[in-house]
């Protein structure tokens, strides 16, 4: 031990010293910055030098579940924020559930903490309210004037109406099942963030926003997710005006209209939407406004290079293709399709709109009952660019599955490799299935069929 109680660890047979013990406190705090606060506090038992070091780490990352009592959690947060109150705070991350029978939640306390950390030039805020009374807590307007803030993640909290916004450093914002003081609160907030690059909005019934406009000259990534089990509102609209957008994820069965204004050149997209066309509200070719909206949306995403698309979206596109020609996805190189059931008859129509597609991945998240025989009717265009196909759904050797495999092998001119996975339930019939696969004619004779 040295004078400070530090134990120098020497490698066997060498004079090397544990250099961590030689680091200055400021660098040790940077290391501890990456750990949850409960683990940072545990470091205090290492030596006398480490006893109070955790108090100087410019971050708070806590879950009230780490404490036996909720009041102890509250007191710890208060004490931490009071200590070294003049210093800057990099991270403020809290997850709490105040549904304890012995505690009557003090709604104002979260607002007081937010006001405090704003004065300490916080860079990253991540607060999750997991209480039964979520959305009762409205954050103070000071959250809109934190000029040091780089990332903001809020879950199940209410945001005030932004009368004044000054967030010149905010690049990342995630608002998950949040509530807003009025219909324009979110739209105004997005518009007032001049360097915003990533935006995630996970919506629920409580936001009551009928028209959401996402207008940003700096936005590179946008994710819009909603719970499809909520009540259907037919006139919900999401309008996106982000000319620098590179990544787009949409997963929402409630929104009737997705509008892309000046979409720029998308690089990657993940699309799982139906434009509010469900089993009880089918696509109507006579609905010209809906047709125009779908056409414009497809044109807007047609520059994408890498896309994941759900079979439910393909079904809408398939219905639309019966009355209008699909735009060409000339840049699309990688396509991943997530299927439910065996609705594979929609696939050829879309593939023929992708003249430069090189890789196709077919996934399936669950099995469903047979929905009718697949019929790839009419003459099919050759897939002249497709090189690699992977069907990740475990095959059972059923006729509908073989029809898809046959279509791909018989219509792909330069296909190099087709990878398949067999279901564990058909391992005994593996040789029979393999013979059937080998018997399928291949337009690309060098193509390898790999069965895993």
Protein backbone atom coordinates (compact mmCIF):
# COMPACT_ATOMS: atom_id res chain seq x y z
CA UNK A 1 0.00 0.00 0.00
CA UNK A 2 1.18 3.56 -0.64
CA UNK A 3 0.51 6.58 1.57
CA UNK A 4 -2.99 7.05 0.15
CA UNK A 5 -3.95 3.45 0.72
CA UNK A 6 -3.57 2.59 -2.97
CA UNK A 7 -2.49 -0.92 -3.85
CA UNK A 8 -0.11 -1.01 -6.78
CA UNK A 9 -0.69 -4.15 -8.83
CA UNK A 10 2.46 -5.43 -10.43
CA UNK A 11 2.48 -7.96 -13.23
CA UNK A 12 4.23 -11.18 -12.29
CA UNK A 13 7.88 -11.07 -13.23
CA UNK A 14 7.77 -7.38 -14.25
CA UNK A 15 7.98 -3.90 -12.78
CA UNK A 16 4.76 -2.67 -14.40
CA UNK A 17 2.48 -0.60 -12.20
CA UNK A 18 -1.31 -0.33 -12.23
CA UNK A 19 -1.44 2.94 -14.12
CA UNK A 20 -5.11 3.47 -13.28
CA UNK A 21 -3.98 4.40 -9.79
CA UNK A 22 -1.71 7.04 -11.29
CA UNK A 23 -4.44 8.76 -13.31
CA UNK A 24 -5.57 12.20 -12.10
CA UNK A 25 -9.03 12.52 -10.60
CA UNK A 26 -10.40 14.29 -13.67
CA UNK A 27 -9.60 11.29 -15.90
CA UNK A 28 -10.97 8.81 -13.37
CA UNK A 29 -14.20 10.77 -13.34
CA UNK A 30 -14.36 10.49 -17.12
CA UNK A 31 -14.07 6.70 -16.79
CA UNK A 32 -16.77 6.57 -14.10
CA UNK A 33 -18.97 8.75 -16.27
CA UNK A 34 -19.86 5.63 -18.31
CA UNK A 35 -21.26 3.70 -15.32
CA UNK A 36 -24.64 3.88 -13.58
CA UNK A 37 -24.48 5.97 -10.40
CA UNK A 38 -25.07 2.95 -8.15
CA UNK A 39 -21.88 1.36 -9.53
CA UNK A 40 -19.99 4.63 -9.30
CA UNK A 41 -20.88 4.87 -5.60
CA UNK A 42 -19.58 1.33 -5.05
CA UNK A 43 -16.14 2.50 -6.16
CA UNK A 44 -15.89 4.49 -2.93
CA UNK A 45 -14.83 1.34 -1.05
CA UNK A 46 -11.69 0.87 -3.14
CA UNK A 47 -9.51 3.18 -1.08
CA UNK A 48 -9.45 6.44 0.81
CA UNK A 49 -8.72 8.26 -2.42
CA UNK A 50 -11.86 6.88 -4.04
CA UNK A 51 -14.09 7.52 -1.02
CA UNK A 52 -15.53 10.81 -2.25
CA UNK A 53 -14.49 10.66 -5.88
CA UNK A 54 -17.97 9.54 -7.01
CA UNK A 55 -19.41 12.89 -5.88
CA UNK A 56 -17.33 14.67 -8.50
CA UNK A 57 -18.49 12.53 -11.44
CA UNK A 58 -20.54 14.96 -13.61
CA UNK A 59 -23.40 12.55 -14.18
CA UNK A 60 -26.43 11.13 -12.43
CA UNK A 61 -27.87 7.83 -13.73
CA UNK A 62 -30.41 6.38 -11.32
CA UNK A 63 -33.42 4.10 -11.06
CA UNK A 64 -35.56 4.43 -7.96
CA UNK A 65 -35.61 0.61 -7.88
CA UNK A 66 -32.01 0.87 -6.68
CA UNK A 67 -33.38 2.17 -3.36
CA UNK A 68 -35.53 0.45 -0.75
CA UNK A 69 -37.69 3.54 -0.28
CA UNK A 70 -38.79 6.19 -2.74
CA UNK A 71 -38.05 9.01 -0.30
CA UNK A 72 -34.46 7.78 -0.03
CA UNK A 73 -34.21 8.04 -3.80
CA UNK A 74 -35.55 11.61 -3.73
CA UNK A 75 -33.17 12.63 -0.95
CA UNK A 76 -30.19 11.15 -2.80
CA UNK A 77 -30.99 13.09 -5.98
CA UNK A 78 -31.42 16.31 -3.99
CA UNK A 79 -28.13 15.77 -2.16
CA UNK A 80 -26.25 14.98 -5.35
CA UNK A 81 -27.53 18.09 -7.11
CA UNK A 82 -26.72 20.26 -4.07
CA UNK A 83 -23.15 18.97 -3.88
CA UNK A 84 -20.68 20.82 -6.07
CA UNK A 85 -23.60 22.85 -7.43
CA UNK A 86 -21.36 25.28 -9.28
CA UNK A 87 -19.91 22.62 -11.58
CA UNK A 88 -21.29 21.52 -14.95
CA UNK A 89 -23.35 18.36 -15.25
CA UNK A 90 -22.98 16.23 -18.36
CA UNK A 91 -25.64 13.55 -17.91
CA UNK A 92 -28.93 13.51 -16.02
CA UNK A 93 -30.68 10.14 -16.41
CA UNK A 94 -33.59 9.10 -14.20
CA UNK A 95 -36.09 6.27 -14.24
CA UNK A 96 -38.70 6.29 -11.53
CA UNK A 97 -42.03 4.81 -10.51
CA UNK A 98 -43.75 6.71 -7.71
CA UNK A 99 -46.75 4.38 -7.35
CA UNK A 100 -45.60 3.39 -3.87
CA UNK A 101 -48.55 3.23 -1.47
CA UNK A 102 -46.48 4.99 1.18
CA UNK A 103 -45.59 7.92 -1.04
CA UNK A 104 -47.76 10.67 -2.40
CA UNK A 105 -45.92 11.85 -5.51
CA UNK A 106 -44.76 15.45 -5.44
CA UNK A 107 -45.34 16.56 -9.02
CA UNK A 108 -43.25 19.71 -8.67
CA UNK A 109 -40.07 17.91 -7.68
CA UNK A 110 -39.18 16.85 -11.24
CA UNK A 111 -39.63 20.44 -12.38
CA UNK A 112 -37.32 21.62 -9.60
CA UNK A 113 -34.64 19.15 -10.67
CA UNK A 114 -34.95 20.24 -14.30
CA UNK A 115 -34.56 23.89 -13.31
CA UNK A 116 -31.45 22.98 -11.33
CA UNK A 117 -29.68 20.97 -14.02
CA UNK A 118 -30.37 23.62 -16.66
CA UNK A 119 -28.34 26.09 -14.60
CA UNK A 120 -25.53 23.52 -14.45
CA UNK A 121 -25.26 23.40 -18.25
CA UNK A 122 -26.41 19.80 -18.59
CA UNK A 123 -25.67 18.13 -21.95
CA UNK A 124 -27.81 14.98 -21.88
CA UNK A 125 -31.24 14.52 -20.28
CA UNK A 126 -33.02 11.15 -20.15
CA UNK A 127 -36.08 10.94 -17.88
CA UNK A 128 -38.61 8.09 -17.77
CA UNK A 129 -41.75 8.39 -15.65
CA UNK A 130 -43.02 4.83 -15.20
CA UNK A 131 -45.73 5.82 -12.72
CA UNK A 132 -49.40 5.01 -13.07
CA UNK A 133 -50.11 8.74 -13.15
CA UNK A 134 -47.73 9.44 -16.02
CA UNK A 135 -48.36 12.68 -17.96
CA UNK A 136 -49.43 14.43 -14.75
CA UNK A 137 -45.94 15.89 -14.54
CA UNK A 138 -45.52 18.91 -16.81
CA UNK A 139 -41.93 19.95 -17.24
CA UNK A 140 -40.94 23.58 -16.65
CA UNK A 141 -40.39 25.85 -19.62
CA UNK A 142 -36.72 26.13 -18.64
CA UNK A 143 -36.15 22.89 -20.53
CA UNK A 144 -36.59 24.92 -23.72
CA UNK A 145 -33.79 27.34 -22.80
CA UNK A 146 -30.95 24.96 -21.98
CA UNK A 147 -28.35 26.15 -24.49
CA UNK A 148 -25.87 23.40 -23.52
CA UNK A 149 -28.33 20.54 -24.15
CA UNK A 150 -27.16 18.07 -26.83
CA UNK A 151 -29.64 15.19 -26.38
CA UNK A 152 -33.10 15.04 -24.83
CA UNK A 153 -35.06 11.84 -24.15
CA UNK A 154 -38.37 12.03 -22.32
CA UNK A 155 -40.88 9.27 -21.67
CA UNK A 156 -44.43 9.68 -20.35
CA UNK A 157 -44.07 13.33 -19.40
CA UNK A 158 -45.96 16.43 -20.50
CA UNK A 159 -44.17 19.20 -22.37
CA UNK A 160 -45.35 22.79 -21.93
CA UNK A 161 -46.30 25.11 -24.73
CA UNK A 162 -43.03 26.59 -26.01
CA UNK A 163 -43.41 30.37 -25.80
CA UNK A 164 -39.65 30.81 -26.17
CA UNK A 165 -37.12 28.20 -27.36
CA UNK A 166 -33.34 28.46 -27.34
CA UNK A 167 -31.76 25.06 -27.94
CA UNK A 168 -28.80 25.86 -30.19
CA UNK A 169 -26.90 22.65 -29.35
CA UNK A 170 -29.70 20.06 -29.38
CA UNK A 171 -28.91 17.33 -31.94
CA UNK A 172 -30.87 14.32 -30.65
CA UNK A 173 -34.45 14.31 -29.36
CA UNK A 174 -36.59 11.29 -28.43
CA UNK A 175 -40.13 11.90 -27.17
CA UNK A 176 -41.72 8.60 -26.19
CA UNK A 177 -45.45 8.44 -25.41
CA UNK A 178 -45.19 12.05 -24.30
CA UNK A 179 -48.05 14.50 -23.97
CA UNK A 180 -48.03 18.08 -25.18
CA UNK A 181 -49.72 21.14 -23.73
CA UNK A 182 -51.31 22.01 -27.07
CA UNK A 183 -51.50 20.81 -30.67
CA UNK A 184 -48.64 23.01 -31.89
CA UNK A 185 -46.19 22.39 -29.02
CA UNK A 186 -44.27 19.59 -30.73
CA UNK A 187 -44.30 21.24 -34.17
CA UNK A 188 -42.97 24.48 -32.72
CA UNK A 189 -40.31 22.71 -30.70
CA UNK A 190 -38.96 20.84 -33.74
CA UNK A 191 -38.86 23.99 -35.83
CA UNK A 192 -36.92 25.90 -33.16
CA UNK A 193 -34.03 23.39 -32.95
CA UNK A 194 -31.56 24.66 -35.59
CA UNK A 195 -29.07 21.75 -35.45
CA UNK A 196 -31.45 18.86 -34.73
CA UNK A 197 -30.21 15.72 -36.51
CA UNK A 198 -32.15 12.83 -34.98
CA UNK A 199 -35.81 12.83 -33.94
CA UNK A 200 -37.80 9.93 -32.50
CA UNK A 201 -41.50 10.37 -31.76
CA UNK A 202 -43.39 7.45 -30.25
CA UNK A 203 -47.02 8.42 -30.08
CA UNK A 204 -50.01 7.22 -28.11
CA UNK A 205 -53.64 8.23 -27.75
CA UNK A 206 -52.81 10.93 -25.21
CA UNK A 207 -51.05 13.37 -27.55
CA UNK A 208 -54.25 14.30 -29.45
CA UNK A 209 -52.28 15.72 -32.37
CA UNK A 210 -54.28 15.39 -35.57
CA UNK A 211 -51.69 17.02 -37.85
CA UNK A 212 -48.01 16.67 -37.03
CA UNK A 213 -45.67 18.77 -39.14
CA UNK A 214 -41.98 17.94 -38.94
CA UNK A 215 -40.13 20.89 -40.42
CA UNK A 216 -36.36 20.91 -40.08
CA UNK A 217 -33.53 22.00 -42.35
CA UNK A 218 -30.98 19.97 -40.38
CA UNK A 219 -32.80 16.70 -39.65
CA UNK A 220 -30.99 13.56 -40.85
CA UNK A 221 -32.96 10.81 -39.09
CA UNK A 222 -36.68 10.64 -38.26
CA UNK A 223 -38.60 7.83 -36.54
CA UNK A 224 -42.36 7.93 -36.08
CA UNK A 225 -43.92 5.04 -34.17
CA UNK A 226 -47.44 4.59 -32.82
CA UNK A 227 -49.35 1.87 -31.06
CA UNK A 228 -51.49 0.19 -33.71
CA UNK A 229 -53.94 -1.04 -31.07
CA UNK A 230 -55.21 2.43 -30.33
CA UNK A 231 -58.51 3.69 -31.69
CA UNK A 232 -58.42 4.51 -35.37
CA UNK A 233 -58.65 8.19 -36.32
CA UNK A 234 -59.00 8.47 -40.06
CA UNK A 235 -57.82 12.04 -40.53
CA UNK A 236 -54.44 11.86 -38.75
CA UNK A 237 -51.68 13.42 -40.86
CA UNK A 238 -47.88 13.40 -40.62
CA UNK A 239 -46.20 15.93 -42.88
CA UNK A 240 -42.41 15.81 -43.20
CA UNK A 241 -40.40 18.69 -44.60
CA UNK A 242 -36.74 17.73 -44.09
CA UNK A 243 -34.61 18.13 -47.23
CA UNK A 244 -31.49 16.57 -45.64
CA UNK A 245 -33.27 13.46 -44.36
CA UNK A 246 -31.23 10.26 -44.80
CA UNK A 247 -33.00 7.77 -42.53
CA UNK A 248 -36.77 7.35 -42.18
CA UNK A 249 -38.69 4.88 -40.04
CA UNK A 250 -42.50 4.88 -40.03
CA UNK A 251 -44.52 2.36 -38.05
CA UNK A 252 -48.10 3.52 -37.61
CA UNK A 253 -51.36 1.96 -38.74
CA UNK A 254 -53.53 4.89 -37.61
CA UNK A 255 -52.20 7.77 -39.68
CA UNK A 256 -54.17 8.21 -42.88
CA UNK A 257 -51.75 10.53 -44.73
CA UNK A 258 -47.97 10.59 -44.79
CA UNK A 259 -46.74 13.57 -46.78
CA UNK A 260 -43.10 13.99 -47.80
CA UNK A 261 -42.16 17.48 -48.94
CA UNK A 262 -38.74 17.89 -50.55
CA UNK A 263 -37.55 14.53 -49.23
CA UNK A 264 -34.02 14.90 -50.60
CA UNK A 265 -32.15 11.64 -51.08
CA UNK A 266 -33.05 9.00 -48.54
CA UNK A 267 -30.40 6.38 -47.87
CA UNK A 268 -32.30 4.02 -45.57
CA UNK A 269 -35.99 3.51 -44.79
CA UNK A 270 -38.05 1.19 -42.59
CA UNK A 271 -41.72 1.34 -43.57
CA UNK A 272 -44.62 -0.35 -41.79
CA UNK A 273 -47.73 1.71 -42.55
CA UNK A 274 -51.10 1.14 -44.23
CA UNK A 275 -52.40 4.71 -44.57
CA UNK A 276 -55.28 3.71 -42.29
CA UNK A 277 -56.37 1.06 -44.81
CA UNK A 278 -57.24 -1.86 -42.58
CA UNK A 279 -59.51 -4.87 -43.01
CA UNK A 280 -62.55 -2.68 -42.53
CA UNK A 281 -61.30 0.15 -44.74
CA UNK A 282 -59.93 -1.23 -48.01
CA UNK A 283 -58.17 0.68 -50.75
CA UNK A 284 -60.67 2.39 -53.03
CA UNK A 285 -59.38 3.24 -56.54
CA UNK A 286 -62.08 5.89 -56.81
CA UNK A 287 -60.64 7.77 -53.82
CA UNK A 288 -58.45 10.12 -55.85
CA UNK A 289 -57.01 12.12 -52.89
CA UNK A 290 -55.85 8.88 -51.26
CA UNK A 291 -54.37 7.65 -54.53
CA UNK A 292 -52.52 10.94 -55.01
CA UNK A 293 -51.16 10.85 -51.47
CA UNK A 294 -49.91 7.25 -51.84
CA UNK A 295 -48.37 8.04 -55.23
CA UNK A 296 -46.54 11.07 -53.87
CA UNK A 297 -45.33 9.12 -50.85
CA UNK A 298 -43.90 6.33 -53.02
CA UNK A 299 -42.18 8.89 -55.22
CA UNK A 300 -40.79 10.53 -52.08
CA UNK A 301 -39.12 7.33 -50.83
CA UNK A 302 -38.11 6.08 -54.30
CA UNK A 303 -34.53 7.38 -53.94
CA UNK A 304 -33.80 5.05 -51.00
CA UNK A 305 -30.84 2.63 -51.21
CA UNK A 306 -31.60 0.26 -48.31
CA UNK A 307 -35.19 -0.47 -47.31
CA UNK A 308 -37.11 -2.66 -44.90
CA UNK A 309 -40.80 -2.93 -45.69
CA UNK A 310 -43.69 -4.79 -44.06
CA UNK A 311 -45.99 -7.06 -46.02
CA UNK A 312 -48.95 -4.96 -44.84
CA UNK A 313 -47.44 -1.97 -46.65
CA UNK A 314 -46.72 -4.12 -49.71
CA UNK A 315 -50.38 -5.12 -49.74
CA UNK A 316 -51.42 -1.47 -50.04
CA UNK A 317 -48.79 -0.93 -52.76
CA UNK A 318 -50.05 -4.03 -54.55
CA UNK A 319 -53.63 -2.71 -54.53
CA UNK A 320 -52.41 0.70 -55.70
CA UNK A 321 -50.45 -0.92 -58.57
CA UNK A 322 -53.67 -2.29 -60.03
CA UNK A 323 -54.77 1.21 -60.97
CA UNK A 324 -51.45 3.06 -61.33
CA UNK A 325 -47.93 2.15 -62.32
CA UNK A 326 -45.44 2.15 -59.46
CA UNK A 327 -42.51 4.58 -59.54
CA UNK A 328 -39.09 3.04 -60.12
CA UNK A 329 -36.82 2.57 -57.11
CA UNK A 330 -33.66 2.99 -59.17
CA UNK A 331 -31.26 3.35 -56.22
CA UNK A 332 -32.59 0.46 -54.16
CA UNK A 333 -29.81 -2.07 -53.64
CA UNK A 334 -30.89 -3.93 -50.47
CA UNK A 335 -34.50 -4.88 -49.70
CA UNK A 336 -35.75 -6.66 -46.59
CA UNK A 337 -39.40 -7.75 -46.56
CA UNK A 338 -41.10 -8.82 -43.34
CA UNK A 339 -44.02 -11.09 -44.17
CA UNK A 340 -46.97 -12.25 -42.15
CA UNK A 341 -48.42 -15.43 -43.53
CA UNK A 342 -47.99 -16.32 -47.21
CA UNK A 343 -48.99 -13.12 -49.00
CA UNK A 344 -46.04 -13.49 -51.35
CA UNK A 345 -48.00 -12.75 -54.51
CA UNK A 346 -47.38 -9.05 -53.78
CA UNK A 347 -43.62 -9.41 -54.03
CA UNK A 348 -43.05 -9.68 -57.82
CA UNK A 349 -44.90 -6.45 -58.58
CA UNK A 350 -42.65 -4.51 -56.24
CA UNK A 351 -39.44 -6.29 -57.27
CA UNK A 352 -40.05 -5.35 -60.87
CA UNK A 353 -39.96 -1.69 -59.79
CA UNK A 354 -36.44 -2.15 -58.40
CA UNK A 355 -34.23 -2.43 -61.52
CA UNK A 356 -30.93 -2.34 -59.61
CA UNK A 357 -31.75 -4.49 -56.59
CA UNK A 358 -28.83 -6.73 -55.60
CA UNK A 359 -29.84 -8.25 -52.24
CA UNK A 360 -33.23 -9.51 -51.08
CA UNK A 361 -33.97 -10.75 -47.55
CA UNK A 362 -37.33 -12.34 -46.77
CA UNK A 363 -38.26 -12.47 -43.09
CA UNK A 364 -41.31 -13.55 -41.16
CA UNK A 365 -42.02 -12.65 -37.56
CA UNK A 366 -44.76 -15.23 -37.04
CA UNK A 367 -46.79 -17.88 -38.82
CA UNK A 368 -50.38 -17.38 -39.76
CA UNK A 369 -53.07 -19.51 -41.24
CA UNK A 370 -52.99 -20.05 -44.97
CA UNK A 371 -54.54 -17.08 -46.75
CA UNK A 372 -55.14 -18.66 -50.12
CA UNK A 373 -52.91 -20.05 -52.81
CA UNK A 374 -50.14 -17.93 -54.25
CA UNK A 375 -50.67 -17.06 -57.86
CA UNK A 376 -47.86 -15.23 -59.65
CA UNK A 377 -50.15 -14.59 -62.57
CA UNK A 378 -49.18 -13.23 -65.96
CA UNK A 379 -45.76 -12.93 -67.56
CA UNK A 380 -43.07 -11.77 -65.16
CA UNK A 381 -40.17 -9.47 -65.92
CA UNK A 382 -36.74 -10.93 -65.37
CA UNK A 383 -34.89 -9.87 -62.24
CA UNK A 384 -31.76 -8.77 -64.05
CA UNK A 385 -29.77 -7.33 -61.12
CA UNK A 386 -30.56 -9.64 -58.18
CA UNK A 387 -27.43 -11.41 -56.90
CA UNK A 388 -28.18 -12.57 -53.35
CA UNK A 389 -31.37 -13.85 -51.72
CA UNK A 390 -31.84 -15.01 -48.15
CA UNK A 391 -35.17 -16.45 -46.98
CA UNK A 392 -34.88 -16.34 -43.21
CA UNK A 393 -38.30 -17.78 -42.52
CA UNK A 394 -37.70 -21.48 -41.72
CA UNK A 395 -39.18 -23.52 -44.57
CA UNK A 396 -41.41 -26.52 -44.02
CA UNK A 397 -41.39 -27.68 -47.60
CA UNK A 398 -44.95 -26.52 -48.24
CA UNK A 399 -46.13 -25.81 -51.77
CA UNK A 400 -46.54 -22.08 -51.19
CA UNK A 401 -42.94 -21.80 -50.04
CA UNK A 402 -41.64 -23.68 -53.07
CA UNK A 403 -43.57 -21.35 -55.37
CA UNK A 404 -41.64 -18.39 -53.99
CA UNK A 405 -38.30 -20.20 -54.33
CA UNK A 406 -39.16 -21.26 -57.87
CA UNK A 407 -40.10 -17.71 -58.83
CA UNK A 408 -36.76 -16.36 -57.62
CA UNK A 409 -34.65 -19.10 -59.24
CA UNK A 410 -36.50 -19.07 -62.56
CA UNK A 411 -36.53 -15.28 -63.02
CA UNK A 412 -33.14 -14.08 -61.69
CA UNK A 413 -30.60 -13.84 -64.51
CA UNK A 414 -27.41 -13.32 -62.47
CA UNK A 415 -28.35 -14.77 -59.08
CA UNK A 416 -25.23 -15.98 -57.27
CA UNK A 417 -26.56 -17.38 -54.01
CA UNK A 418 -29.92 -18.33 -52.51
CA UNK A 419 -29.83 -19.13 -48.79
CA UNK A 420 -32.67 -21.03 -47.13
CA UNK A 421 -33.36 -22.21 -43.60
CA UNK A 422 -35.23 -25.40 -42.80
CA UNK A 423 -37.65 -25.62 -39.91
CA UNK A 424 -36.58 -28.03 -37.16
CA UNK A 425 -39.86 -29.91 -37.54
CA UNK A 426 -38.92 -31.15 -41.04
CA UNK A 427 -35.37 -32.35 -40.42
CA UNK A 428 -36.46 -35.93 -41.10
CA UNK A 429 -37.78 -34.93 -44.51
CA UNK A 430 -34.69 -32.85 -45.29
CA UNK A 431 -33.50 -35.09 -48.12
CA UNK A 432 -36.90 -34.97 -49.83
CA UNK A 433 -37.02 -31.17 -49.61
CA UNK A 434 -33.46 -30.89 -50.92
CA UNK A 435 -34.29 -33.04 -53.94
CA UNK A 436 -37.28 -30.83 -54.68
CA UNK A 437 -35.14 -27.71 -54.42
CA UNK A 438 -32.47 -29.15 -56.70
CA UNK A 439 -35.11 -30.00 -59.28
CA UNK A 440 -36.18 -26.35 -59.65
CA UNK A 441 -34.79 -24.88 -62.91
CA UNK A 442 -32.34 -21.99 -62.50
CA UNK A 443 -32.05 -19.18 -64.97
CA UNK A 444 -28.60 -18.43 -63.49
CA UNK A 445 -26.78 -21.73 -63.71
CA UNK A 446 -23.85 -20.73 -61.41
CA UNK A 447 -26.31 -19.94 -58.61
CA UNK A 448 -25.65 -21.79 -55.36
CA UNK A 449 -28.57 -22.92 -53.20
CA UNK A 450 -27.47 -23.11 -49.58
CA UNK A 451 -29.76 -24.83 -47.06
CA UNK A 452 -29.03 -24.29 -43.37
